[in-house]
PDB file of N, CA and C in Angstrom:
ATOM      1  N   MET A   1      42.474  69.756 207.663  1.00  0.00           N
ATOM      2  CA  MET A   1      43.324  68.703 207.181  1.00  0.00           C
ATOM      3  C   MET A   1      43.216  67.480 208.090  1.00  0.00           C
ATOM      4  N   LYS A   2      43.077  67.713 209.400  1.00  0.00           N
ATOM      5  CA  LYS A   2      42.929  66.577 210.311  1.00  0.00           C
ATOM      6  C   LYS A   2      41.678  65.777 209.972  1.00  0.00           C
ATOM      7  N   GLU A   3      40.623  66.487 209.626  1.00  0.00           N
ATOM      8  CA  GLU A   3      39.370  65.811 209.307  1.00  0.00           C
ATOM      9  C   GLU A   3      39.516  64.951 208.057  1.00  0.00           C
ATOM     10  N   ALA A   4      40.223  65.455 207.057  1.00  0.00           N
ATOM     11  CA  ALA A   4      40.423  64.687 205.818  1.00  0.00           C
ATOM     12  C   ALA A   4      41.245  63.436 206.101  1.00  0.00           C
ATOM     13  N   ARG A   5      42.287  63.569 206.915  1.00  0.00           N
ATOM     14  CA  ARG A   5      43.093  62.393 207.266  1.00  0.00           C
ATOM     15  C   ARG A   5      42.253  61.374 208.026  1.00  0.00           C
ATOM     16  N   ALA A   6      41.404  61.851 208.918  1.00  0.00           N
ATOM     17  CA  ALA A   6      40.550  60.947 209.702  1.00  0.00           C
ATOM     18  C   ALA A   6      39.630  60.131 208.799  1.00  0.00           C
ATOM     19  N   MET A   7      39.305  60.662 207.620  1.00  0.00           N
ATOM     20  CA  MET A   7      38.454  59.941 206.673  1.00  0.00           C
ATOM     21  C   MET A   7      39.260  59.043 205.744  1.00  0.00           C
ATOM     22  N   GLY A   8      40.586  59.008 205.930  1.00  0.00           N
ATOM     23  CA  GLY A   8      41.416  58.126 205.117  1.00  0.00           C
ATOM     24  C   GLY A   8      41.985  58.758 203.864  1.00  0.00           C
ATOM     25  N   PHE A   9      41.801  60.060 203.686  1.00  0.00           N
ATOM     26  CA  PHE A   9      42.357  60.730 202.512  1.00  0.00           C
ATOM     27  C   PHE A   9      43.840  60.994 202.731  1.00  0.00           C
ATOM     28  N   HIS A  10      44.634  60.775 201.691  1.00  0.00           N
ATOM     29  CA  HIS A  10      46.064  61.048 201.745  1.00  0.00           C
ATOM     30  C   HIS A  10      46.355  62.239 200.853  1.00  0.00           C
ATOM     31  N   PHE A  11      47.067  63.201 201.375  1.00  0.00           N
ATOM     32  CA  PHE A  11      47.428  64.368 200.583  1.00  0.00           C
ATOM     33  C   PHE A  11      48.715  64.957 201.134  1.00  0.00           C
ATOM     34  N   PHE A  12      49.401  65.696 200.287  1.00  0.00           N
ATOM     35  CA  PHE A  12      50.666  66.294 200.668  1.00  0.00           C
ATOM     36  C   PHE A  12      50.668  67.722 200.169  1.00  0.00           C
ATOM     37  N   ALA A  13      50.855  68.659 201.079  1.00  0.00           N
ATOM     38  CA  ALA A  13      50.839  70.067 200.724  1.00  0.00           C
ATOM     39  C   ALA A  13      51.659  70.841 201.743  1.00  0.00           C
ATOM     40  N   ARG A  14      52.100  72.005 201.344  1.00  0.00           N
ATOM     41  CA  ARG A  14      52.813  72.862 202.294  1.00  0.00           C
ATOM     42  C   ARG A  14      51.860  73.424 203.333  1.00  0.00           C
ATOM     43  N   GLY A  15      50.601  73.485 202.983  1.00  0.00           N
ATOM     44  CA  GLY A  15      49.601  74.017 203.894  1.00  0.00           C
ATOM     45  C   GLY A  15      48.253  74.014 203.220  1.00  0.00           C
ATOM     46  N   PRO A  16      47.235  74.393 203.955  1.00  0.00           N
ATOM     47  CA  PRO A  16      45.893  74.393 203.363  1.00  0.00           C
ATOM     48  C   PRO A  16      45.758  75.508 202.329  1.00  0.00           C
ATOM     49  N   GLY A  17      44.927  75.274 201.346  1.00  0.00           N
ATOM     50  CA  GLY A  17      44.639  76.276 200.331  1.00  0.00           C
ATOM     51  C   GLY A  17      43.148  76.263 200.026  1.00  0.00           C
ATOM     52  N   VAL A  18      42.540  77.418 200.098  1.00  0.00           N
ATOM     53  CA  VAL A  18      41.104  77.515 199.857  1.00  0.00           C
ATOM     54  C   VAL A  18      40.856  77.456 198.354  1.00  0.00           C
ATOM     55  N   SER A  19      39.882  76.652 197.946  1.00  0.00           N
ATOM     56  CA  SER A  19      39.578  76.507 196.529  1.00  0.00           C
ATOM     57  C   SER A  19      38.099  76.211 196.358  1.00  0.00           C
ATOM     58  N   HIS A  20      37.574  76.622 195.233  1.00  0.00           N
ATOM     59  CA  HIS A  20      36.186  76.304 194.898  1.00  0.00           C
ATOM     60  C   HIS A  20      36.096  75.033 194.079  1.00  0.00           C
ATOM     61  N   ALA A  21      37.239  74.401 193.828  1.00  0.00           N
ATOM     62  CA  ALA A  21      37.315  73.135 193.098  1.00  0.00           C
ATOM     63  C   ALA A  21      36.836  73.252 191.656  1.00  0.00           C
ATOM     64  N   TYR A  22      36.985  74.437 191.062  1.00  0.00           N
ATOM     65  CA  TYR A  22      36.689  74.571 189.643  1.00  0.00           C
ATOM     66  C   TYR A  22      37.905  74.042 188.889  1.00  0.00           C
ATOM     67  N   VAL A  23      37.720  72.981 188.130  1.00  0.00           N
ATOM     68  CA  VAL A  23      38.840  72.314 187.474  1.00  0.00           C
ATOM     69  C   VAL A  23      38.571  72.209 185.980  1.00  0.00           C
ATOM     70  N   ARG A  24      39.626  72.410 185.191  1.00  0.00           N
ATOM     71  CA  ARG A  24      39.519  72.226 183.750  1.00  0.00           C
ATOM     72  C   ARG A  24      40.751  71.443 183.310  1.00  0.00           C
ATOM     73  N   VAL A  25      40.551  70.262 182.750  1.00  0.00           N
ATOM     74  CA  VAL A  25      41.657  69.454 182.253  1.00  0.00           C
ATOM     75  C   VAL A  25      42.136  70.062 180.945  1.00  0.00           C
ATOM     76  N   GLU A  26      43.422  70.387 180.897  1.00  0.00           N
ATOM     77  CA  GLU A  26      44.001  70.979 179.693  1.00  0.00           C
ATOM     78  C   GLU A  26      44.738  69.959 178.853  1.00  0.00           C
ATOM     79  N   SER A  27      45.291  68.931 179.489  1.00  0.00           N
ATOM     80  CA  SER A  27      45.968  67.867 178.756  1.00  0.00           C
ATOM     81  C   SER A  27      46.127  66.677 179.686  1.00  0.00           C
ATOM     82  N   ALA A  28      46.484  65.538 179.102  1.00  0.00           N
ATOM     83  CA  ALA A  28      46.714  64.323 179.889  1.00  0.00           C
ATOM     84  C   ALA A  28      47.905  63.594 179.292  1.00  0.00           C
ATOM     85  N   GLY A  29      48.584  62.814 180.130  1.00  0.00           N
ATOM     86  CA  GLY A  29      49.722  62.041 179.645  1.00  0.00           C
ATOM     87  C   GLY A  29      50.938  62.886 179.328  1.00  0.00           C
ATOM     88  N   GLN A  30      51.034  64.059 179.942  1.00  0.00           N
ATOM     89  CA  GLN A  30      52.149  64.973 179.703  1.00  0.00           C
ATOM     90  C   GLN A  30      52.959  65.133 180.989  1.00  0.00           C
ATOM     91  N   PRO A  31      54.257  65.426 180.885  1.00  0.00           N
ATOM     92  CA  PRO A  31      55.030  65.724 182.093  1.00  0.00           C
ATOM     93  C   PRO A  31      54.466  66.968 182.783  1.00  0.00           C
ATOM     94  N   VAL A  32      54.518  66.968 184.110  1.00  0.00           N
ATOM     95  CA  VAL A  32      54.084  68.118 184.897  1.00  0.00           C
ATOM     96  C   VAL A  32      55.150  68.411 185.947  1.00  0.00           C
ATOM     97  N   THR A  33      55.203  69.647 186.364  1.00  0.00           N
ATOM     98  CA  THR A  33      56.099  70.024 187.451  1.00  0.00           C
ATOM     99  C   THR A  33      55.246  70.285 188.679  1.00  0.00           C
ATOM    100  N   VAL A  34      55.558  69.564 189.753  1.00  0.00           N
ATOM    101  CA  VAL A  34      54.818  69.694 191.007  1.00  0.00           C
ATOM    102  C   VAL A  34      55.832  69.974 192.103  1.00  0.00           C
ATOM    103  N   GLY A  35      55.709  71.117 192.744  1.00  0.00           N
ATOM    104  CA  GLY A  35      56.645  71.461 193.808  1.00  0.00           C
ATOM    105  C   GLY A  35      58.086  71.471 193.350  1.00  0.00           C
ATOM    106  N   GLY A  36      58.328  71.854 192.097  1.00  0.00           N
ATOM    107  CA  GLY A  36      59.684  71.885 191.559  1.00  0.00           C
ATOM    108  C   GLY A  36      60.187  70.545 191.054  1.00  0.00           C
ATOM    109  N   LEU A  37      59.353  69.519 191.127  1.00  0.00           N
ATOM    110  CA  LEU A  37      59.743  68.167 190.716  1.00  0.00           C
ATOM    111  C   LEU A  37      59.047  67.819 189.406  1.00  0.00           C
ATOM    112  N   LEU A  38      59.829  67.444 188.390  1.00  0.00           N
ATOM    113  CA  LEU A  38      59.263  67.054 187.101  1.00  0.00           C
ATOM    114  C   LEU A  38      58.775  65.613 187.188  1.00  0.00           C
ATOM    115  N   VAL A  39      57.485  65.415 186.966  1.00  0.00           N
ATOM    116  CA  VAL A  39      56.871  64.087 187.010  1.00  0.00           C
ATOM    117  C   VAL A  39      56.404  63.746 185.602  1.00  0.00           C
ATOM    118  N   SER A  40      56.916  62.635 185.081  1.00  0.00           N
ATOM    119  CA  SER A  40      56.558  62.199 183.729  1.00  0.00           C
ATOM    120  C   SER A  40      55.591  61.029 183.796  1.00  0.00           C
ATOM    121  N   PRO A  41      54.802  60.820 182.747  1.00  0.00           N
ATOM    122  CA  PRO A  41      53.898  59.670 182.730  1.00  0.00           C
ATOM    123  C   PRO A  41      54.674  58.372 182.975  1.00  0.00           C
ATOM    124  N   GLY A  42      54.151  57.534 183.847  1.00  0.00           N
ATOM    125  CA  GLY A  42      54.795  56.260 184.162  1.00  0.00           C
ATOM    126  C   GLY A  42      55.728  56.315 185.354  1.00  0.00           C
ATOM    127  N   ASP A  43      56.092  57.520 185.819  1.00  0.00           N
ATOM    128  CA  ASP A  43      56.928  57.629 187.012  1.00  0.00           C
ATOM    129  C   ASP A  43      56.139  57.142 188.223  1.00  0.00           C
ATOM    130  N   LEU A  44      56.853  56.625 189.200  1.00  0.00           N
ATOM    131  CA  LEU A  44      56.229  56.202 190.452  1.00  0.00           C
ATOM    132  C   LEU A  44      56.491  57.265 191.506  1.00  0.00           C
ATOM    133  N   ILE A  45      55.513  57.498 192.352  1.00  0.00           N
ATOM    134  CA  ILE A  45      55.669  58.452 193.441  1.00  0.00           C
ATOM    135  C   ILE A  45      55.347  57.737 194.740  1.00  0.00           C
ATOM    136  N   HIS A  46      56.262  57.845 195.696  1.00  0.00           N
ATOM    137  CA  HIS A  46      56.009  57.330 197.042  1.00  0.00           C
ATOM    138  C   HIS A  46      56.040  58.535 197.963  1.00  0.00           C
ATOM    139  N   ALA A  47      55.013  58.676 198.775  1.00  0.00           N
ATOM    140  CA  ALA A  47      54.952  59.829 199.669  1.00  0.00           C
ATOM    141  C   ALA A  47      54.429  59.399 201.030  1.00  0.00           C
ATOM    142  N   ASP A  48      54.988  60.001 202.065  1.00  0.00           N
ATOM    143  CA  ASP A  48      54.489  59.796 203.418  1.00  0.00           C
ATOM    144  C   ASP A  48      54.750  61.076 204.204  1.00  0.00           C
ATOM    145  N   GLU A  49      54.601  61.009 205.510  1.00  0.00           N
ATOM    146  CA  GLU A  49      54.740  62.220 206.317  1.00  0.00           C
ATOM    147  C   GLU A  49      56.160  62.782 206.314  1.00  0.00           C
ATOM    148  N   HIS A  50      57.115  62.027 205.822  1.00  0.00           N
ATOM    149  CA  HIS A  50      58.501  62.482 205.785  1.00  0.00           C
ATOM    150  C   HIS A  50      58.869  63.170 204.477  1.00  0.00           C
ATOM    151  N   GLY A  51      58.065  62.990 203.454  1.00  0.00           N
ATOM    152  CA  GLY A  51      58.372  63.625 202.184  1.00  0.00           C
ATOM    153  C   GLY A  51      57.869  62.821 201.000  1.00  0.00           C
ATOM    154  N   VAL A  52      58.303  63.242 199.826  1.00  0.00           N
ATOM    155  CA  VAL A  52      57.862  62.640 198.574  1.00  0.00           C
ATOM    156  C   VAL A  52      59.092  62.194 197.787  1.00  0.00           C
ATOM    157  N   LEU A  53      59.015  60.994 197.234  1.00  0.00           N
ATOM    158  CA  LEU A  53      60.113  60.416 196.462  1.00  0.00           C
ATOM    159  C   LEU A  53      59.603  60.073 195.071  1.00  0.00           C
ATOM    160  N   LEU A  54      60.332  60.507 194.045  1.00  0.00           N
ATOM    161  CA  LEU A  54      59.981  60.181 192.666  1.00  0.00           C
ATOM    162  C   LEU A  54      60.913  59.088 192.168  1.00  0.00           C
ATOM    163  N   ILE A  55      60.345  58.049 191.604  1.00  0.00           N
ATOM    164  CA  ILE A  55      61.119  56.961 191.009  1.00  0.00           C
ATOM    165  C   ILE A  55      60.856  57.002 189.506  1.00  0.00           C
ATOM    166  N   PRO A  56      61.855  57.424 188.717  1.00  0.00           N
ATOM    167  CA  PRO A  56      61.642  57.514 187.273  1.00  0.00           C
ATOM    168  C   PRO A  56      61.281  56.153 186.671  1.00  0.00           C
ATOM    169  N   ARG A  57      60.396  56.181 185.713  1.00  0.00           N
ATOM    170  CA  ARG A  57      59.942  54.966 185.036  1.00  0.00           C
ATOM    171  C   ARG A  57      61.127  54.140 184.539  1.00  0.00           C
ATOM    172  N   GLU A  58      62.185  54.808 184.075  1.00  0.00           N
ATOM    173  CA  GLU A  58      63.329  54.119 183.483  1.00  0.00           C
ATOM    174  C   GLU A  58      64.058  53.206 184.472  1.00  0.00           C
ATOM    175  N   ILE A  59      63.984  53.506 185.763  1.00  0.00           N
ATOM    176  CA  ILE A  59      64.686  52.671 186.743  1.00  0.00           C
ATOM    177  C   ILE A  59      63.741  51.928 187.678  1.00  0.00           C
ATOM    178  N   ALA A  60      62.449  52.055 187.460  1.00  0.00           N
ATOM    179  CA  ALA A  60      61.470  51.418 188.350  1.00  0.00           C
ATOM    180  C   ALA A  60      61.674  49.907 188.426  1.00  0.00           C
ATOM    181  N   GLY A  61      62.120  49.292 187.348  1.00  0.00           N
ATOM    182  CA  GLY A  61      62.346  47.849 187.341  1.00  0.00           C
ATOM    183  C   GLY A  61      63.476  47.410 188.262  1.00  0.00           C
ATOM    184  N   GLU A  62      64.350  48.349 188.631  1.00  0.00           N
ATOM    185  CA  GLU A  62      65.459  48.037 189.538  1.00  0.00           C
ATOM    186  C   GLU A  62      65.041  48.077 191.002  1.00  0.00           C
ATOM    187  N   LEU A  63      63.844  48.575 191.258  1.00  0.00           N
ATOM    188  CA  LEU A  63      63.384  48.782 192.631  1.00  0.00           C
ATOM    189  C   LEU A  63      63.332  47.514 193.477  1.00  0.00           C
ATOM    190  N   PRO A  64      62.784  46.401 192.994  1.00  0.00           N
ATOM    191  CA  PRO A  64      62.734  45.198 193.838  1.00  0.00           C
ATOM    192  C   PRO A  64      64.115  44.727 194.295  1.00  0.00           C
ATOM    193  N   ALA A  65      65.093  44.712 193.402  1.00  0.00           N
ATOM    194  CA  ALA A  65      66.444  44.274 193.781  1.00  0.00           C
ATOM    195  C   ALA A  65      67.067  45.253 194.772  1.00  0.00           C
ATOM    196  N   ALA A  66      66.843  46.539 194.571  1.00  0.00           N
ATOM    197  CA  ALA A  66      67.376  47.541 195.500  1.00  0.00           C
ATOM    198  C   ALA A  66      66.745  47.381 196.878  1.00  0.00           C
ATOM    199  N   ALA A  67      65.450  47.118 196.910  1.00  0.00           N
ATOM    200  CA  ALA A  67      64.766  46.910 198.193  1.00  0.00           C
ATOM    201  C   ALA A  67      65.315  45.687 198.907  1.00  0.00           C
ATOM    202  N   GLU A  68      65.583  44.631 198.173  1.00  0.00           N
ATOM    203  CA  GLU A  68      66.162  43.421 198.779  1.00  0.00           C
ATOM    204  C   GLU A  68      67.535  43.710 199.379  1.00  0.00           C
ATOM    205  N   ARG A  69      68.335  44.531 198.698  1.00  0.00           N
ATOM    206  CA  ARG A  69      69.658  44.886 199.236  1.00  0.00           C
ATOM    207  C   ARG A  69      69.527  45.682 200.533  1.00  0.00           C
ATOM    208  N   VAL A  70      68.588  46.603 200.571  1.00  0.00           N
ATOM    209  CA  VAL A  70      68.373  47.396 201.786  1.00  0.00           C
ATOM    210  C   VAL A  70      67.905  46.499 202.924  1.00  0.00           C
ATOM    211  N   ILE A  71      66.963  45.613 202.641  1.00  0.00           N
ATOM    212  CA  ILE A  71      66.464  44.692 203.669  1.00  0.00           C
ATOM    213  C   ILE A  71      67.598  43.832 204.210  1.00  0.00           C
ATOM    214  N   ALA A  72      68.422  43.293 203.331  1.00  0.00           N
ATOM    215  CA  ALA A  72      69.544  42.450 203.767  1.00  0.00           C
ATOM    216  C   ALA A  72      70.513  43.246 204.631  1.00  0.00           C
ATOM    217  N   SER A  73      70.804  44.462 204.225  1.00  0.00           N
ATOM    218  CA  SER A  73      71.718  45.312 204.988  1.00  0.00           C
ATOM    219  C   SER A  73      71.140  45.627 206.364  1.00  0.00           C
ATOM    220  N   GLU A  74      69.861  45.960 206.407  1.00  0.00           N
ATOM    221  CA  GLU A  74      69.229  46.278 207.684  1.00  0.00           C
ATOM    222  C   GLU A  74      69.148  45.052 208.583  1.00  0.00           C
ATOM    223  N   GLN A  75      68.878  43.890 208.011  1.00  0.00           N
ATOM    224  CA  GLN A  75      68.806  42.668 208.818  1.00  0.00           C
ATOM    225  C   GLN A  75      70.159  42.354 209.440  1.00  0.00           C
ATOM    226  N   SER A  76      71.217  42.554 208.680  1.00  0.00           N
ATOM    227  CA  SER A  76      72.562  42.325 209.194  1.00  0.00           C
ATOM    228  C   SER A  76      72.844  43.261 210.368  1.00  0.00           C
ATOM    229  N   LEU A  77      72.500  44.526 210.208  1.00  0.00           N
ATOM    230  CA  LEU A  77      72.707  45.501 211.275  1.00  0.00           C
ATOM    231  C   LEU A  77      71.865  45.153 212.498  1.00  0.00           C
ATOM    232  N   LEU A  78      70.594  44.824 212.283  1.00  0.00           N
ATOM    233  CA  LEU A  78      69.717  44.484 213.405  1.00  0.00           C
ATOM    234  C   LEU A  78      70.204  43.247 214.145  1.00  0.00           C
ATOM    235  N   SER A  79      70.692  42.265 213.425  1.00  0.00           N
ATOM    236  CA  SER A  79      71.225  41.057 214.071  1.00  0.00           C
ATOM    237  C   SER A  79      72.401  41.414 214.966  1.00  0.00           C
ATOM    238  N   TRP A  80      73.287  42.273 214.472  1.00  0.00           N
ATOM    239  CA  TRP A  80      74.445  42.679 215.264  1.00  0.00           C
ATOM    240  C   TRP A  80      74.017  43.481 216.493  1.00  0.00           C
ATOM    241  N   VAL A  81      73.079  44.437 216.302  1.00  0.00           N
ATOM    242  CA  VAL A  81      72.616  45.274 217.413  1.00  0.00           C
ATOM    243  C   VAL A  81      71.985  44.420 218.509  1.00  0.00           C
ATOM    244  N   ARG A  82      71.311  43.356 218.138  1.00  0.00           N
ATOM    245  CA  ARG A  82      70.644  42.477 219.111  1.00  0.00           C
ATOM    246  C   ARG A  82      71.587  41.439 219.730  1.00  0.00           C
ATOM    247  N   SER A  83      72.796  41.336 219.204  1.00  0.00           N
ATOM    248  CA  SER A  83      73.724  40.305 219.676  1.00  0.00           C
ATOM    249  C   SER A  83      74.504  40.793 220.902  1.00  0.00           C
ATOM    250  N   PRO A  84      75.085  39.852 221.659  1.00  0.00           N
ATOM    251  CA  PRO A  84      75.913  40.238 222.805  1.00  0.00           C
ATOM    252  C   PRO A  84      77.207  40.942 222.372  1.00  0.00           C
ATOM    253  N   ASP A  85      77.566  40.851 221.094  1.00  0.00           N
ATOM    254  CA  ASP A  85      78.780  41.494 220.584  1.00  0.00           C
ATOM    255  C   ASP A  85      78.594  42.980 220.281  1.00  0.00           C
ATOM    256  N   PHE A  86      77.361  43.462 220.396  1.00  0.00           N
ATOM    257  CA  PHE A  86      77.083  44.854 220.033  1.00  0.00           C
ATOM    258  C   PHE A  86      77.843  45.815 220.934  1.00  0.00           C
ATOM    259  N   ASP A  87      78.376  46.872 220.309  1.00  0.00           N
ATOM    260  CA  ASP A  87      79.089  47.918 221.032  1.00  0.00           C
ATOM    261  C   ASP A  87      78.655  49.260 220.438  1.00  0.00           C
ATOM    262  N   ALA A  88      78.048  50.120 221.258  1.00  0.00           N
ATOM    263  CA  ALA A  88      77.530  51.402 220.776  1.00  0.00           C
ATOM    264  C   ALA A  88      78.640  52.268 220.188  1.00  0.00           C
ATOM    265  N   ASP A  89      79.814  52.268 220.813  1.00  0.00           N
ATOM    266  CA  ASP A  89      80.920  53.072 220.283  1.00  0.00           C
ATOM    267  C   ASP A  89      81.339  52.586 218.897  1.00  0.00           C
ATOM    268  N   GLU A  90      81.309  51.284 218.701  1.00  0.00           N
ATOM    269  CA  GLU A  90      81.652  50.727 217.389  1.00  0.00           C
ATOM    270  C   GLU A  90      80.620  51.143 216.339  1.00  0.00           C
ATOM    271  N   LEU A  91      79.352  51.166 216.741  1.00  0.00           N
ATOM    272  CA  LEU A  91      78.298  51.616 215.828  1.00  0.00           C
ATOM    273  C   LEU A  91      78.533  53.074 215.429  1.00  0.00           C
ATOM    274  N   ILE A  92      78.843  53.905 216.406  1.00  0.00           N
ATOM    275  CA  ILE A  92      79.107  55.321 216.120  1.00  0.00           C
ATOM    276  C   ILE A  92      80.278  55.450 215.152  1.00  0.00           C
ATOM    277  N   GLU A  93      81.325  54.688 215.387  1.00  0.00           N
ATOM    278  CA  GLU A  93      82.497  54.744 214.509  1.00  0.00           C
ATOM    279  C   GLU A  93      82.162  54.259 213.095  1.00  0.00           C
ATOM    280  N   LYS A  94      81.393  53.185 212.992  1.00  0.00           N
ATOM    281  CA  LYS A  94      81.009  52.672 211.663  1.00  0.00           C
ATOM    282  C   LYS A  94      80.183  53.707 210.908  1.00  0.00           C
ATOM    283  N   ARG A  95      79.292  54.376 211.595  1.00  0.00           N
ATOM    284  CA  ARG A  95      78.453  55.383 210.937  1.00  0.00           C
ATOM    285  C   ARG A  95      79.289  56.585 210.525  1.00  0.00           C
ATOM    286  N   ARG A  96      80.287  56.923 211.319  1.00  0.00           N
ATOM    287  CA  ARG A  96      81.166  58.048 210.999  1.00  0.00           C
ATOM    288  C   ARG A  96      81.944  57.756 209.724  1.00  0.00           C
ATOM    289  N   VAL A  97      82.433  56.558 209.579  1.00  0.00           N
ATOM    290  CA  VAL A  97      83.214  56.164 208.402  1.00  0.00           C
ATOM    291  C   VAL A  97      82.322  56.125 207.169  1.00  0.00           C
ATOM    292  N   ARG A  98      81.092  55.646 207.323  1.00  0.00           N
ATOM    293  CA  ARG A  98      80.168  55.489 206.200  1.00  0.00           C
ATOM    294  C   ARG A  98      79.766  56.823 205.595  1.00  0.00           C
ATOM    295  N   HIS A  99      79.619  57.823 206.421  1.00  0.00           N
ATOM    296  CA  HIS A  99      79.143  59.112 205.925  1.00  0.00           C
ATOM    297  C   HIS A  99      80.333  59.984 205.707  1.00  0.00           C
TER     298      HIS A  99
END
């Protein structure tokens, strides 16, 4: 797996699996279940070393606005953390209330 990553291949698996790569396409454009997750045609998948996220096609159009809200929220937090007014105990308390 290290060798495949070194060549720029991206893959996500619980572990290596030996295969002869004999493949037969049975259908296309149909929903599939992968790792217990139902993936439908048009769904978006974002995956990295932390996990895999499915964004249903029906809400994909909301993604840019949601990303802007997250960026704004994070910028506000980062500005406060970098300011002389920052207090670690206050941050802990704010996080406690939020969750």
